[in-house]
Amino acid sequence: MVKLKDPVLMASIGAAQGLRGDVRVRCFSANPLSVGDYGHLHAEDGRSFEILEIRPGKNNMVVIRFRGVNDRTAAEGLRGLDLYIERENLPDDELDDDEYFYADLEGLDVFDDAGNNYGAVSAVFDFGAGDLLELKGPGRRPVLIPFNENAVLEVDFEDGRILIDPVAAGLIDENDDDNPDFPGAGGA
């Protein structure tokens, strides 16, 4: 059993596929077929998974056969399992300037150009229509904003912050003078 020091979510196991133990896997990498390029995948409980075979599926999905998962019953037991790799196994030098690992965005504080704080990034989601940042702040309900160039103006890892346009992010209406969810974040 392996306990990762700095885990990065790479994939989530879905339904069983066929009778041989194959599973459908949703990948969180730009190229779903590369999910096995960084070594074994690990579950939070310490189990390690070696990919024996991988083939493309639909919509950022792949079909994978793992070593030791040899029938449909074993495959069905993996449904819903998140798979991680150690952060140090990811190649930082392969990222473009506008590309980020989801894990690196989590925890960054979110501000607008007037200095208003909208909380911190607590998660990054992709439900199929584009990436969304979940923001959580003290005493506030979590909100989702689009992670695109209109809403997110700058990502500054050195200062641990993200600069947003709150109107483009959908946090305030440009005609609102007062927003109870974000005090001090009036209209632009």
N, C-alpha and C. Protein backbone atom coordinates (compact mmCIF):
# COMPACT_ATOMS: atom_id res chain seq x y z
N MET A 1 0.84 -1.19 0.00
CA MET A 1 0.00 0.00 0.00
C MET A 1 0.89 1.25 0.00
N VAL A 2 0.51 2.19 -0.84
CA VAL A 2 1.28 3.41 -1.01
C VAL A 2 0.46 4.60 -0.55
N LYS A 3 1.07 5.47 0.24
CA LYS A 3 0.43 6.71 0.66
C LYS A 3 1.17 7.85 -0.04
N LEU A 4 0.46 8.60 -0.89
CA LEU A 4 1.08 9.69 -1.64
C LEU A 4 1.25 10.92 -0.77
N LYS A 5 2.37 11.62 -0.96
CA LYS A 5 2.65 12.84 -0.19
C LYS A 5 1.92 14.04 -0.77
N ASP A 6 1.90 14.14 -2.10
CA ASP A 6 1.28 15.28 -2.78
C ASP A 6 0.46 14.74 -3.95
N PRO A 7 -0.72 14.15 -3.68
CA PRO A 7 -1.49 13.50 -4.74
C PRO A 7 -2.16 14.49 -5.69
N VAL A 8 -2.22 14.08 -6.96
CA VAL A 8 -2.92 14.84 -7.99
C VAL A 8 -3.94 13.90 -8.63
N LEU A 9 -5.19 14.32 -8.63
CA LEU A 9 -6.26 13.51 -9.21
C LEU A 9 -6.06 13.41 -10.71
N MET A 10 -6.00 12.19 -11.23
CA MET A 10 -5.79 11.96 -12.65
C MET A 10 -7.02 11.36 -13.33
N ALA A 11 -7.81 10.59 -12.58
CA ALA A 11 -8.91 9.87 -13.23
C ALA A 11 -9.92 9.41 -12.19
N SER A 12 -11.10 9.06 -12.69
CA SER A 12 -12.16 8.51 -11.84
C SER A 12 -12.77 7.32 -12.58
N ILE A 13 -12.89 6.21 -11.88
CA ILE A 13 -13.40 4.99 -12.50
C ILE A 13 -14.92 5.02 -12.54
N GLY A 14 -15.44 4.66 -13.71
CA GLY A 14 -16.89 4.58 -13.91
C GLY A 14 -17.34 3.13 -13.94
N ALA A 15 -18.21 2.84 -14.86
CA ALA A 15 -18.84 1.52 -14.95
C ALA A 15 -17.90 0.47 -15.54
N ALA A 16 -18.23 -0.78 -15.26
CA ALA A 16 -17.52 -1.90 -15.86
C ALA A 16 -17.85 -1.94 -17.35
N GLN A 17 -16.92 -2.46 -18.14
CA GLN A 17 -17.09 -2.56 -19.59
C GLN A 17 -16.79 -4.00 -19.98
N GLY A 18 -17.80 -4.75 -20.34
CA GLY A 18 -17.60 -6.13 -20.76
C GLY A 18 -17.43 -7.08 -19.59
N LEU A 19 -16.91 -8.26 -19.89
CA LEU A 19 -16.81 -9.32 -18.89
C LEU A 19 -15.39 -9.58 -18.39
N ARG A 20 -14.36 -9.02 -19.05
CA ARG A 20 -12.96 -9.32 -18.74
C ARG A 20 -12.38 -8.50 -17.60
N GLY A 21 -13.13 -7.52 -17.06
CA GLY A 21 -12.61 -6.70 -15.99
C GLY A 21 -12.24 -5.30 -16.42
N ASP A 22 -12.54 -4.95 -17.66
CA ASP A 22 -12.28 -3.60 -18.13
C ASP A 22 -13.22 -2.61 -17.45
N VAL A 23 -12.75 -1.37 -17.29
CA VAL A 23 -13.58 -0.32 -16.70
C VAL A 23 -13.50 0.93 -17.56
N ARG A 24 -14.58 1.71 -17.55
CA ARG A 24 -14.57 3.02 -18.18
C ARG A 24 -13.97 4.00 -17.18
N VAL A 25 -13.08 4.85 -17.67
CA VAL A 25 -12.37 5.77 -16.78
C VAL A 25 -12.44 7.18 -17.38
N ARG A 26 -12.85 8.12 -16.55
CA ARG A 26 -12.85 9.53 -16.95
C ARG A 26 -11.50 10.12 -16.55
N CYS A 27 -10.79 10.66 -17.53
CA CYS A 27 -9.45 11.19 -17.29
C CYS A 27 -9.47 12.70 -17.20
N PHE A 28 -8.59 13.24 -16.38
CA PHE A 28 -8.48 14.68 -16.19
C PHE A 28 -7.18 15.20 -16.78
N SER A 29 -6.73 14.58 -17.86
CA SER A 29 -5.54 15.03 -18.57
C SER A 29 -5.96 15.48 -19.96
N ALA A 30 -5.16 16.32 -20.58
CA ALA A 30 -5.49 16.83 -21.91
C ALA A 30 -5.64 15.67 -22.90
N ASN A 31 -4.77 14.69 -22.79
CA ASN A 31 -4.85 13.51 -23.64
C ASN A 31 -5.22 12.33 -22.74
N PRO A 32 -6.46 11.86 -22.79
CA PRO A 32 -6.89 10.78 -21.90
C PRO A 32 -6.02 9.52 -22.01
N LEU A 33 -5.48 9.25 -23.19
CA LEU A 33 -4.67 8.04 -23.35
C LEU A 33 -3.32 8.14 -22.64
N SER A 34 -2.96 9.33 -22.17
CA SER A 34 -1.67 9.50 -21.48
C SER A 34 -1.78 9.26 -19.98
N VAL A 35 -2.94 8.88 -19.50
CA VAL A 35 -3.14 8.74 -18.05
C VAL A 35 -2.16 7.74 -17.42
N GLY A 36 -1.68 6.82 -18.19
CA GLY A 36 -0.74 5.83 -17.66
C GLY A 36 0.72 6.18 -17.87
N ASP A 37 0.98 7.33 -18.46
CA ASP A 37 2.36 7.71 -18.77
C ASP A 37 3.18 8.13 -17.56
N TYR A 38 2.55 8.31 -16.41
CA TYR A 38 3.23 8.87 -15.24
C TYR A 38 3.44 7.84 -14.13
N GLY A 39 3.29 6.58 -14.48
CA GLY A 39 3.48 5.52 -13.48
C GLY A 39 2.15 4.95 -13.02
N HIS A 40 2.22 4.15 -11.99
CA HIS A 40 1.01 3.51 -11.45
C HIS A 40 0.05 4.57 -10.90
N LEU A 41 -1.21 4.26 -10.95
CA LEU A 41 -2.24 5.11 -10.37
C LEU A 41 -2.55 4.58 -8.97
N HIS A 42 -2.95 5.47 -8.07
CA HIS A 42 -3.16 5.08 -6.68
C HIS A 42 -4.51 5.57 -6.17
N ALA A 43 -5.15 4.74 -5.36
CA ALA A 43 -6.39 5.13 -4.70
C ALA A 43 -6.03 5.76 -3.35
N GLU A 44 -6.97 6.51 -2.79
CA GLU A 44 -6.73 7.16 -1.49
C GLU A 44 -6.46 6.15 -0.38
N ASP A 45 -6.99 4.94 -0.53
CA ASP A 45 -6.78 3.92 0.51
C ASP A 45 -5.43 3.22 0.39
N GLY A 46 -4.61 3.65 -0.60
CA GLY A 46 -3.26 3.10 -0.72
C GLY A 46 -3.09 2.03 -1.79
N ARG A 47 -4.19 1.55 -2.35
CA ARG A 47 -4.07 0.55 -3.42
C ARG A 47 -3.41 1.16 -4.65
N SER A 48 -2.62 0.34 -5.33
CA SER A 48 -1.91 0.77 -6.53
C SER A 48 -2.48 0.02 -7.73
N PHE A 49 -2.60 0.73 -8.87
CA PHE A 49 -3.19 0.15 -10.07
C PHE A 49 -2.24 0.31 -11.24
N GLU A 50 -1.89 -0.81 -11.86
CA GLU A 50 -1.04 -0.81 -13.05
C GLU A 50 -1.93 -1.02 -14.27
N ILE A 51 -1.76 -0.15 -15.26
CA ILE A 51 -2.55 -0.26 -16.49
C ILE A 51 -1.90 -1.30 -17.40
N LEU A 52 -2.70 -2.29 -17.78
CA LEU A 52 -2.22 -3.30 -18.72
C LEU A 52 -2.60 -2.95 -20.15
N GLU A 53 -3.79 -2.38 -20.30
CA GLU A 53 -4.29 -2.06 -21.63
C GLU A 53 -5.18 -0.82 -21.52
N ILE A 54 -5.06 0.07 -22.50
CA ILE A 54 -5.89 1.27 -22.53
C ILE A 54 -6.32 1.52 -23.97
N ARG A 55 -7.60 1.88 -24.13
CA ARG A 55 -8.09 2.20 -25.45
C ARG A 55 -9.06 3.38 -25.34
N PRO A 56 -9.22 4.13 -26.42
CA PRO A 56 -10.07 5.33 -26.36
C PRO A 56 -11.54 4.97 -26.17
N GLY A 57 -12.22 5.88 -25.49
CA GLY A 57 -13.66 5.80 -25.34
C GLY A 57 -14.25 7.10 -25.86
N LYS A 58 -15.41 7.47 -25.35
CA LYS A 58 -16.07 8.70 -25.78
C LYS A 58 -15.92 9.78 -24.71
N ASN A 59 -15.90 11.05 -25.14
CA ASN A 59 -15.98 12.20 -24.23
C ASN A 59 -14.95 12.18 -23.11
N ASN A 60 -13.69 12.18 -23.46
CA ASN A 60 -12.61 12.22 -22.48
C ASN A 60 -12.59 10.97 -21.59
N MET A 61 -13.13 9.89 -22.10
CA MET A 61 -13.14 8.62 -21.39
C MET A 61 -12.20 7.65 -22.11
N VAL A 62 -11.68 6.72 -21.34
CA VAL A 62 -10.91 5.62 -21.90
C VAL A 62 -11.43 4.33 -21.25
N VAL A 63 -11.10 3.23 -21.88
CA VAL A 63 -11.42 1.92 -21.31
C VAL A 63 -10.09 1.30 -20.92
N ILE A 64 -9.99 0.90 -19.66
CA ILE A 64 -8.73 0.41 -19.11
C ILE A 64 -8.90 -0.98 -18.51
N ARG A 65 -7.87 -1.80 -18.70
CA ARG A 65 -7.78 -3.06 -17.97
C ARG A 65 -6.59 -2.93 -17.02
N PHE A 66 -6.85 -3.12 -15.73
CA PHE A 66 -5.82 -3.06 -14.70
C PHE A 66 -5.34 -4.45 -14.34
N ARG A 67 -4.08 -4.54 -13.98
CA ARG A 67 -3.53 -5.82 -13.50
C ARG A 67 -4.31 -6.26 -12.26
N GLY A 68 -4.72 -7.51 -12.25
CA GLY A 68 -5.41 -8.08 -11.10
C GLY A 68 -6.92 -7.88 -11.11
N VAL A 69 -7.45 -7.14 -12.05
CA VAL A 69 -8.90 -6.97 -12.19
C VAL A 69 -9.29 -7.81 -13.40
N ASN A 70 -9.78 -9.03 -13.12
CA ASN A 70 -9.91 -10.02 -14.19
C ASN A 70 -11.33 -10.39 -14.57
N ASP A 71 -12.32 -9.81 -13.89
CA ASP A 71 -13.69 -10.13 -14.27
C ASP A 71 -14.61 -8.94 -13.98
N ARG A 72 -15.83 -9.04 -14.45
CA ARG A 72 -16.78 -7.93 -14.31
C ARG A 72 -17.08 -7.62 -12.85
N THR A 73 -17.15 -8.61 -12.01
CA THR A 73 -17.45 -8.39 -10.59
C THR A 73 -16.37 -7.53 -9.94
N ALA A 74 -15.11 -7.86 -10.20
CA ALA A 74 -14.01 -7.06 -9.66
C ALA A 74 -14.04 -5.64 -10.22
N ALA A 75 -14.36 -5.51 -11.50
CA ALA A 75 -14.43 -4.18 -12.14
C ALA A 75 -15.56 -3.35 -11.54
N GLU A 76 -16.69 -3.96 -11.29
CA GLU A 76 -17.83 -3.24 -10.70
C GLU A 76 -17.49 -2.74 -9.29
N GLY A 77 -16.63 -3.43 -8.58
CA GLY A 77 -16.22 -3.01 -7.25
C GLY A 77 -15.35 -1.75 -7.24
N LEU A 78 -14.85 -1.35 -8.39
CA LEU A 78 -13.99 -0.16 -8.48
C LEU A 78 -14.76 1.10 -8.84
N ARG A 79 -16.02 0.96 -9.17
CA ARG A 79 -16.82 2.11 -9.63
C ARG A 79 -16.79 3.26 -8.60
N GLY A 80 -16.53 4.46 -9.09
CA GLY A 80 -16.49 5.65 -8.23
C GLY A 80 -15.14 5.92 -7.59
N LEU A 81 -14.17 5.06 -7.82
CA LEU A 81 -12.85 5.21 -7.22
C LEU A 81 -12.05 6.29 -7.96
N ASP A 82 -11.51 7.23 -7.21
CA ASP A 82 -10.63 8.26 -7.78
C ASP A 82 -9.21 7.75 -7.77
N LEU A 83 -8.47 8.07 -8.84
CA LEU A 83 -7.10 7.61 -8.99
C LEU A 83 -6.15 8.79 -9.07
N TYR A 84 -5.02 8.67 -8.37
CA TYR A 84 -4.07 9.77 -8.21
C TYR A 84 -2.67 9.32 -8.62
N ILE A 85 -1.82 10.33 -8.86
CA ILE A 85 -0.38 10.08 -8.99
C ILE A 85 0.33 11.08 -8.08
N GLU A 86 1.59 10.83 -7.84
CA GLU A 86 2.40 11.76 -7.05
C GLU A 86 2.70 12.99 -7.90
N ARG A 87 2.56 14.16 -7.32
CA ARG A 87 2.74 15.43 -8.04
C ARG A 87 4.10 15.51 -8.74
N GLU A 88 5.13 15.00 -8.11
CA GLU A 88 6.49 15.08 -8.69
C GLU A 88 6.62 14.28 -9.98
N ASN A 89 5.68 13.38 -10.27
CA ASN A 89 5.73 12.60 -11.51
C ASN A 89 5.21 13.38 -12.71
N LEU A 90 4.58 14.54 -12.48
CA LEU A 90 4.05 15.34 -13.58
C LEU A 90 5.15 16.20 -14.19
N PRO A 91 5.19 16.29 -15.51
CA PRO A 91 6.23 17.06 -16.18
C PRO A 91 5.87 18.55 -16.28
N ASP A 92 6.37 19.38 -15.38
CA ASP A 92 6.09 20.82 -15.39
C ASP A 92 6.52 21.49 -16.68
N ASP A 93 7.59 21.01 -17.29
CA ASP A 93 8.14 21.66 -18.47
C ASP A 93 7.29 21.48 -19.72
N GLU A 94 6.28 20.61 -19.68
CA GLU A 94 5.44 20.38 -20.84
C GLU A 94 4.23 21.32 -20.89
N LEU A 95 4.00 22.12 -19.86
CA LEU A 95 2.84 23.00 -19.82
C LEU A 95 3.09 24.29 -20.59
N ASP A 96 2.08 24.73 -21.33
CA ASP A 96 2.13 26.04 -21.97
C ASP A 96 1.84 27.09 -20.91
N ASP A 97 2.07 28.36 -21.25
CA ASP A 97 1.85 29.45 -20.29
C ASP A 97 0.42 29.52 -19.79
N ASP A 98 -0.54 29.13 -20.60
CA ASP A 98 -1.95 29.22 -20.20
C ASP A 98 -2.52 27.87 -19.76
N GLU A 99 -1.66 26.91 -19.42
CA GLU A 99 -2.09 25.61 -18.94
C GLU A 99 -1.70 25.44 -17.49
N TYR A 100 -2.57 24.77 -16.72
CA TYR A 100 -2.34 24.59 -15.30
C TYR A 100 -2.80 23.20 -14.88
N PHE A 101 -2.18 22.69 -13.84
CA PHE A 101 -2.71 21.50 -13.20
C PHE A 101 -3.80 21.95 -12.25
N TYR A 102 -4.93 21.28 -12.25
CA TYR A 102 -6.03 21.63 -11.36
C TYR A 102 -5.55 21.77 -9.92
N ALA A 103 -4.73 20.85 -9.49
CA ALA A 103 -4.26 20.85 -8.10
C ALA A 103 -3.50 22.12 -7.75
N ASP A 104 -2.83 22.73 -8.73
CA ASP A 104 -2.06 23.96 -8.48
C ASP A 104 -2.96 25.17 -8.29
N LEU A 105 -4.18 25.13 -8.84
CA LEU A 105 -5.11 26.25 -8.71
C LEU A 105 -5.83 26.26 -7.36
N GLU A 106 -5.99 25.08 -6.78
CA GLU A 106 -6.72 24.97 -5.52
C GLU A 106 -5.97 25.69 -4.41
N GLY A 107 -6.71 26.52 -3.67
CA GLY A 107 -6.13 27.28 -2.57
C GLY A 107 -5.75 28.70 -2.94
N LEU A 108 -5.72 29.04 -4.23
CA LEU A 108 -5.39 30.40 -4.63
C LEU A 108 -6.54 31.34 -4.27
N ASP A 109 -6.21 32.51 -3.72
CA ASP A 109 -7.21 33.52 -3.39
C ASP A 109 -7.64 34.24 -4.66
N VAL A 110 -8.93 34.63 -4.71
CA VAL A 110 -9.51 35.23 -5.90
C VAL A 110 -9.91 36.67 -5.59
N PHE A 111 -9.39 37.61 -6.40
CA PHE A 111 -9.64 39.04 -6.23
C PHE A 111 -10.05 39.65 -7.55
N ASP A 112 -10.70 40.83 -7.46
CA ASP A 112 -10.92 41.64 -8.66
C ASP A 112 -9.90 42.77 -8.66
N ASP A 113 -9.92 43.62 -9.69
CA ASP A 113 -8.92 44.68 -9.78
C ASP A 113 -9.12 45.79 -8.76
N ALA A 114 -10.26 45.80 -8.07
CA ALA A 114 -10.49 46.78 -7.00
C ALA A 114 -10.02 46.24 -5.64
N GLY A 115 -9.53 45.00 -5.63
CA GLY A 115 -9.04 44.41 -4.38
C GLY A 115 -10.08 43.64 -3.59
N ASN A 116 -11.30 43.48 -4.13
CA ASN A 116 -12.33 42.72 -3.44
C ASN A 116 -12.01 41.24 -3.49
N ASN A 117 -12.13 40.57 -2.34
CA ASN A 117 -11.83 39.15 -2.23
C ASN A 117 -13.11 38.35 -2.42
N TYR A 118 -13.05 37.32 -3.27
CA TYR A 118 -14.19 36.46 -3.56
C TYR A 118 -14.02 35.06 -3.00
N GLY A 119 -13.04 34.87 -2.14
CA GLY A 119 -12.78 33.56 -1.57
C GLY A 119 -11.55 32.93 -2.19
N ALA A 120 -11.46 31.63 -2.06
CA ALA A 120 -10.33 30.88 -2.61
C ALA A 120 -10.87 29.74 -3.45
N VAL A 121 -10.06 29.30 -4.39
CA VAL A 121 -10.43 28.17 -5.24
C VAL A 121 -10.40 26.91 -4.38
N SER A 122 -11.54 26.24 -4.29
CA SER A 122 -11.61 25.02 -3.49
C SER A 122 -11.63 23.77 -4.35
N ALA A 123 -11.99 23.92 -5.63
CA ALA A 123 -12.01 22.78 -6.54
C ALA A 123 -12.10 23.29 -7.97
N VAL A 124 -11.77 22.41 -8.90
CA VAL A 124 -11.91 22.71 -10.32
C VAL A 124 -12.72 21.58 -10.92
N PHE A 125 -13.75 21.95 -11.68
CA PHE A 125 -14.65 20.96 -12.28
C PHE A 125 -14.69 21.14 -13.79
N ASP A 126 -15.00 20.04 -14.47
CA ASP A 126 -15.29 20.08 -15.90
C ASP A 126 -16.44 19.12 -16.14
N PHE A 127 -17.62 19.69 -16.34
CA PHE A 127 -18.81 18.88 -16.58
C PHE A 127 -19.09 18.71 -18.07
N GLY A 128 -18.14 19.11 -18.91
CA GLY A 128 -18.27 18.92 -20.34
C GLY A 128 -18.38 20.21 -21.14
N ALA A 129 -18.72 21.32 -20.50
CA ALA A 129 -18.88 22.59 -21.22
C ALA A 129 -17.73 23.54 -20.95
N GLY A 130 -16.70 23.10 -20.30
CA GLY A 130 -15.55 23.95 -19.97
C GLY A 130 -15.25 23.90 -18.50
N ASP A 131 -14.06 24.29 -18.14
CA ASP A 131 -13.62 24.24 -16.75
C ASP A 131 -14.34 25.29 -15.91
N LEU A 132 -14.63 24.93 -14.67
CA LEU A 132 -15.25 25.82 -13.69
C LEU A 132 -14.42 25.81 -12.42
N LEU A 133 -14.23 27.00 -11.84
CA LEU A 133 -13.56 27.12 -10.55
C LEU A 133 -14.62 27.25 -9.48
N GLU A 134 -14.50 26.46 -8.42
CA GLU A 134 -15.38 26.61 -7.26
C GLU A 134 -14.69 27.52 -6.27
N LEU A 135 -15.39 28.59 -5.87
CA LEU A 135 -14.84 29.54 -4.90
C LEU A 135 -15.58 29.39 -3.59
N LYS A 136 -14.82 29.34 -2.49
CA LYS A 136 -15.40 29.30 -1.15
C LYS A 136 -14.75 30.38 -0.32
N GLY A 137 -15.57 31.07 0.46
CA GLY A 137 -15.06 32.09 1.36
C GLY A 137 -15.78 31.99 2.69
N PRO A 138 -15.23 32.57 3.75
CA PRO A 138 -15.87 32.49 5.06
C PRO A 138 -17.28 33.08 5.03
N GLY A 139 -18.23 32.31 5.50
CA GLY A 139 -19.62 32.78 5.58
C GLY A 139 -20.32 32.87 4.25
N ARG A 140 -19.74 32.33 3.21
CA ARG A 140 -20.34 32.38 1.88
C ARG A 140 -20.61 30.98 1.36
N ARG A 141 -21.65 30.88 0.56
CA ARG A 141 -21.92 29.62 -0.12
C ARG A 141 -20.90 29.46 -1.25
N PRO A 142 -20.52 28.23 -1.57
CA PRO A 142 -19.62 28.03 -2.70
C PRO A 142 -20.29 28.50 -4.00
N VAL A 143 -19.50 29.09 -4.88
CA VAL A 143 -20.00 29.51 -6.19
C VAL A 143 -19.05 28.99 -7.26
N LEU A 144 -19.59 28.80 -8.45
CA LEU A 144 -18.80 28.35 -9.59
C LEU A 144 -18.65 29.50 -10.57
N ILE A 145 -17.42 29.68 -11.08
CA ILE A 145 -17.19 30.67 -12.12
C ILE A 145 -16.49 30.00 -13.28
N PRO A 146 -16.70 30.49 -14.50
CA PRO A 146 -16.01 29.89 -15.64
C PRO A 146 -14.51 30.16 -15.57
N PHE A 147 -13.75 29.16 -15.93
CA PHE A 147 -12.30 29.32 -16.00
C PHE A 147 -11.94 29.56 -17.46
N ASN A 148 -12.16 30.81 -17.89
CA ASN A 148 -11.85 31.19 -19.27
C ASN A 148 -11.18 32.56 -19.26
N GLU A 149 -10.72 33.01 -20.41
CA GLU A 149 -9.94 34.26 -20.46
C GLU A 149 -10.79 35.50 -20.20
N ASN A 150 -12.10 35.42 -20.34
CA ASN A 150 -12.95 36.57 -20.03
C ASN A 150 -13.13 36.75 -18.52
N ALA A 151 -13.32 35.65 -17.81
CA ALA A 151 -13.58 35.72 -16.37
C ALA A 151 -12.29 35.75 -15.55
N VAL A 152 -11.31 34.96 -15.94
CA VAL A 152 -10.04 34.88 -15.22
C VAL A 152 -8.99 35.65 -16.01
N LEU A 153 -8.59 36.78 -15.46
CA LEU A 153 -7.67 37.67 -16.17
C LEU A 153 -6.21 37.30 -15.97
N GLU A 154 -5.88 36.78 -14.78
CA GLU A 154 -4.49 36.46 -14.47
C GLU A 154 -4.43 35.42 -13.37
N VAL A 155 -3.49 34.49 -13.52
CA VAL A 155 -3.18 33.51 -12.48
C VAL A 155 -1.76 33.80 -12.03
N ASP A 156 -1.60 34.15 -10.74
CA ASP A 156 -0.30 34.54 -10.21
C ASP A 156 0.08 33.56 -9.09
N PHE A 157 0.91 32.57 -9.44
CA PHE A 157 1.30 31.57 -8.47
C PHE A 157 2.24 32.14 -7.42
N GLU A 158 3.07 33.09 -7.81
CA GLU A 158 4.02 33.67 -6.85
C GLU A 158 3.31 34.34 -5.69
N ASP A 159 2.24 35.11 -5.97
CA ASP A 159 1.48 35.77 -4.91
C ASP A 159 0.31 34.94 -4.42
N GLY A 160 0.07 33.77 -5.02
CA GLY A 160 -1.00 32.88 -4.59
C GLY A 160 -2.38 33.46 -4.82
N ARG A 161 -2.57 34.11 -5.98
CA ARG A 161 -3.86 34.75 -6.23
C ARG A 161 -4.26 34.68 -7.70
N ILE A 162 -5.55 34.86 -7.89
CA ILE A 162 -6.13 34.91 -9.23
C ILE A 162 -6.88 36.22 -9.35
N LEU A 163 -6.69 36.90 -10.47
CA LEU A 163 -7.39 38.15 -10.75
C LEU A 163 -8.55 37.83 -11.69
N ILE A 164 -9.76 38.26 -11.31
CA ILE A 164 -10.94 37.97 -12.12
C ILE A 164 -11.67 39.25 -12.51
N ASP A 165 -12.53 39.12 -13.50
CA ASP A 165 -13.52 40.13 -13.83
C ASP A 165 -14.82 39.61 -13.25
N PRO A 166 -15.32 40.19 -12.15
CA PRO A 166 -16.50 39.64 -11.48
C PRO A 166 -17.76 39.67 -12.34
N VAL A 167 -17.85 40.59 -13.28
CA VAL A 167 -19.02 40.63 -14.17
C VAL A 167 -18.96 39.45 -15.13
N ALA A 168 -17.83 39.26 -15.80
CA ALA A 168 -17.66 38.14 -16.73
C ALA A 168 -17.76 36.79 -16.01
N ALA A 169 -17.36 36.78 -14.74
CA ALA A 169 -17.43 35.54 -13.95
C ALA A 169 -18.85 35.24 -13.47
N GLY A 170 -19.75 36.21 -13.63
CA GLY A 170 -21.14 36.00 -13.21
C GLY A 170 -21.36 36.20 -11.72
N LEU A 171 -20.40 36.83 -11.04
CA LEU A 171 -20.54 37.04 -9.61
C LEU A 171 -21.36 38.28 -9.28
N ILE A 172 -21.28 39.26 -10.14
CA ILE A 172 -22.08 40.47 -9.95
C ILE A 172 -22.64 40.90 -11.29
N ASP A 173 -23.73 41.63 -11.22
CA ASP A 173 -24.33 42.21 -12.42
C ASP A 173 -23.75 43.60 -12.56
N GLU A 174 -23.35 43.99 -13.75
CA GLU A 174 -22.71 45.29 -13.89
C GLU A 174 -23.62 46.44 -13.50
N ASN A 175 -24.93 46.21 -13.37
CA ASN A 175 -25.86 47.26 -12.95
C ASN A 175 -26.16 47.22 -11.46
N ASP A 176 -25.66 46.19 -10.75
CA ASP A 176 -25.90 46.08 -9.31
C ASP A 176 -25.03 47.05 -8.54
N ASP A 177 -25.64 47.77 -7.60
CA ASP A 177 -24.86 48.63 -6.71
C ASP A 177 -24.47 47.91 -5.44
N ASP A 178 -25.21 46.85 -5.13
CA ASP A 178 -24.94 46.12 -3.89
C ASP A 178 -25.15 44.64 -4.15
N ASN A 179 -24.22 43.83 -3.70
CA ASN A 179 -24.34 42.40 -3.85
C ASN A 179 -24.18 41.78 -2.47
N PRO A 180 -25.25 41.23 -1.89
CA PRO A 180 -25.17 40.71 -0.52
C PRO A 180 -24.21 39.55 -0.36
N ASP A 181 -23.98 38.77 -1.41
CA ASP A 181 -23.05 37.65 -1.29
C ASP A 181 -21.59 38.10 -1.28
N PHE A 182 -21.32 39.25 -1.89
CA PHE A 182 -19.96 39.73 -1.98
C PHE A 182 -19.94 41.23 -1.62
N PRO A 183 -19.98 41.54 -0.30
CA PRO A 183 -19.98 42.93 0.11
C PRO A 183 -18.77 43.68 -0.44
N GLY A 184 -19.01 44.89 -0.87
CA GLY A 184 -17.92 45.70 -1.40
C GLY A 184 -17.61 45.41 -2.84
N ALA A 185 -18.37 44.47 -3.43
CA ALA A 185 -18.13 44.10 -4.82
C ALA A 185 -19.26 44.64 -5.67
N GLY A 186 -19.48 45.94 -5.61
CA GLY A 186 -20.55 46.57 -6.37
C GLY A 186 -20.28 46.54 -7.85
N GLY A 187 -21.15 47.17 -8.63
CA GLY A 187 -21.07 47.16 -10.08
C GLY A 187 -19.82 47.83 -10.61
N ALA A 188 -19.51 47.50 -11.83
CA ALA A 188 -18.30 48.03 -12.47
C ALA A 188 -18.58 49.35 -13.14
